[in-house]
């Protein structure tokens, strides 16, 4: 005997339903991948910006420390020289490596410009970082006063 045919529809998906489901999931997947890539780019840009800000902060801290101890300041061969009781502190910018050195030790890197002016006991600095991945640089203007004395 043959089994009786059933009028029940067979379980499963039609080809049209599978194509629609694949299209919906591919759209959702592409949106998620786009968001993920944008997040990675944002993080990378912020990281390079933060690194440049950190370099400028390190340099400004070293300059402030030496300026507070210095009894005099001068410019020699494009470098800033602080006269301190323990010896001179000389700050120079290497325009090839973008590093600022203090007595030949690197204090900060990724610095594209380091300029200063000395008027009596007032020293003004302008420090600019190199461009980050978006082409943005950071600039800081600093002013320090030396201890009173002969300048």
Protein backbone atom coordinates (compact mmCIF):
# COMPACT_ATOMS: atom_id res chain seq x y z
CA UNK A 1 0.00 0.00 0.00
CA UNK A 2 0.98 3.47 -0.71
CA UNK A 3 0.98 6.13 1.93
CA UNK A 4 -1.71 8.74 1.57
CA UNK A 5 -0.65 12.13 0.24
CA UNK A 6 -0.86 14.90 2.75
CA UNK A 7 -2.21 18.37 2.00
CA UNK A 8 0.24 19.93 4.45
CA UNK A 9 2.74 22.35 2.86
CA UNK A 10 6.34 21.21 3.10
CA UNK A 11 8.53 22.96 5.69
CA UNK A 12 11.32 25.18 4.30
CA UNK A 13 12.03 28.50 2.61
CA UNK A 14 11.39 29.56 -0.92
CA UNK A 15 14.16 30.92 -3.12
CA UNK A 16 12.60 34.39 -2.98
CA UNK A 17 12.58 34.39 0.83
CA UNK A 18 16.25 33.38 0.90
CA UNK A 19 17.24 36.15 -1.53
CA UNK A 20 15.35 38.79 0.49
CA UNK A 21 16.93 37.58 3.75
CA UNK A 22 20.42 37.66 2.21
CA UNK A 23 19.84 41.19 0.90
CA UNK A 24 18.68 42.44 4.32
CA UNK A 25 21.64 40.82 6.12
CA UNK A 26 24.14 42.14 3.58
CA UNK A 27 22.80 45.70 4.04
CA UNK A 28 23.01 45.37 7.83
CA UNK A 29 26.51 43.88 7.54
CA UNK A 30 27.76 46.70 5.33
CA UNK A 31 26.36 49.30 7.74
CA UNK A 32 28.09 47.61 10.69
CA UNK A 33 31.39 47.35 8.81
CA UNK A 34 31.16 51.05 7.88
CA UNK A 35 30.58 52.02 11.50
CA UNK A 36 33.47 49.81 12.61
CA UNK A 37 35.88 51.32 10.06
CA UNK A 38 34.84 54.88 10.98
CA UNK A 39 35.48 54.07 14.64
CA UNK A 40 38.95 52.74 13.89
CA UNK A 41 39.82 55.84 11.84
CA UNK A 42 38.53 58.14 14.57
CA UNK A 43 40.56 56.31 17.22
CA UNK A 44 43.68 56.44 15.07
CA UNK A 45 43.28 60.19 14.43
CA UNK A 46 42.67 60.93 18.10
CA UNK A 47 45.68 58.83 19.07
CA UNK A 48 48.02 60.82 16.80
CA UNK A 49 46.54 64.12 18.04
CA UNK A 50 47.03 63.03 21.64
CA UNK A 51 50.61 62.00 20.93
CA UNK A 52 51.40 65.46 19.50
CA UNK A 53 49.79 67.16 22.50
CA UNK A 54 51.80 64.96 24.85
CA UNK A 55 55.07 65.95 23.12
CA UNK A 56 54.27 69.65 23.48
CA UNK A 57 53.32 69.16 27.13
CA UNK A 58 56.59 67.35 27.87
CA UNK A 59 58.58 70.16 26.26
CA UNK A 60 56.67 72.90 28.06
CA UNK A 61 57.23 71.14 31.40
CA UNK A 62 60.98 70.91 30.82
CA UNK A 63 61.15 74.55 29.70
CA UNK A 64 59.19 75.71 32.74
CA UNK A 65 61.38 73.75 35.12
CA UNK A 66 64.61 75.17 33.68
CA UNK A 67 63.22 78.70 33.33
CA UNK A 68 62.29 78.76 37.02
CA UNK A 69 65.83 77.70 38.00
CA UNK A 70 67.65 79.95 35.53
CA UNK A 71 69.35 83.19 36.39
CA UNK A 72 69.86 84.12 32.72
CA UNK A 73 68.87 83.06 29.23
CA UNK A 74 70.49 83.62 25.87
CA UNK A 75 70.35 82.49 22.26
CA UNK A 76 73.38 80.73 20.82
CA UNK A 77 73.47 79.26 17.28
CA UNK A 78 69.67 79.20 17.12
CA UNK A 79 69.45 77.34 20.43
CA UNK A 80 68.10 78.57 23.74
CA UNK A 81 70.57 78.47 26.62
CA UNK A 82 69.48 78.74 30.26
CA UNK A 83 72.17 79.60 32.80
CA UNK A 84 71.53 77.56 35.93
CA UNK A 85 73.75 77.20 38.98
CA UNK A 86 74.25 73.48 38.17
CA UNK A 87 75.29 74.28 34.57
CA UNK A 88 73.81 75.44 31.30
CA UNK A 89 70.73 73.86 29.75
CA UNK A 90 70.70 74.16 25.97
CA UNK A 91 67.50 73.53 23.97
CA UNK A 92 67.83 72.96 20.22
CA UNK A 93 65.39 71.86 17.52
CA UNK A 94 66.64 69.33 14.99
CA UNK A 95 64.61 70.18 11.88
CA UNK A 96 65.50 66.87 10.23
CA UNK A 97 64.22 64.56 12.97
CA UNK A 98 61.73 67.07 14.48
CA UNK A 99 63.21 66.51 17.94
CA UNK A 100 63.94 69.09 20.62
CA UNK A 101 66.99 68.22 22.66
CA UNK A 102 68.15 69.47 26.04
CA UNK A 103 71.91 69.09 26.36
CA UNK A 104 71.80 66.52 23.51
CA UNK A 105 69.06 64.42 25.19
CA UNK A 106 65.71 64.24 23.41
CA UNK A 107 63.00 66.03 25.40
CA UNK A 108 60.22 66.00 22.79
CA UNK A 109 59.70 64.71 19.28
CA UNK A 110 57.22 65.53 16.52
CA UNK A 111 57.97 69.26 16.98
CA UNK A 112 58.05 71.16 13.68
CA UNK A 113 58.69 74.64 15.06
CA UNK A 114 60.28 75.92 18.27
CA UNK A 115 60.82 79.66 18.44
CA UNK A 116 61.57 81.94 21.35
CA UNK A 117 62.23 85.57 22.15
CA UNK A 118 63.99 87.02 25.18
CA UNK A 119 63.20 90.50 26.43
CA UNK A 120 64.84 91.38 29.75
CA UNK A 121 63.70 88.59 32.09
CA UNK A 122 60.72 87.52 29.97
CA UNK A 123 61.00 84.52 27.63
CA UNK A 124 58.21 83.82 25.15
CA UNK A 125 57.96 80.50 23.31
CA UNK A 126 55.89 79.30 20.40
CA UNK A 127 55.94 75.52 19.95
CA UNK A 128 54.18 73.80 17.03
CA UNK A 129 53.83 70.05 16.58
CA UNK A 130 54.10 68.21 13.28
CA UNK A 131 50.87 67.54 11.41
CA UNK A 132 48.87 64.55 12.54
CA UNK A 133 47.14 62.12 10.16
CA UNK A 134 44.42 64.67 9.38
CA UNK A 135 46.94 67.45 8.70
CA UNK A 136 46.23 69.23 11.99
CA UNK A 137 49.02 70.53 14.20
CA UNK A 138 49.02 71.86 17.75
CA UNK A 139 50.53 75.17 18.77
CA UNK A 140 51.19 76.47 22.25
CA UNK A 141 52.35 79.91 23.32
CA UNK A 142 54.27 80.03 26.60
CA UNK A 143 55.67 82.92 28.59
CA UNK A 144 58.04 82.47 31.52
CA UNK A 145 59.85 84.96 33.67
CA UNK A 146 63.36 84.37 34.96
CA UNK A 147 64.42 85.10 38.49
CA UNK A 148 65.44 88.66 39.08
CA UNK A 149 69.09 89.35 38.46
CA UNK A 150 71.43 90.54 35.75
CA UNK A 151 70.29 89.57 32.29
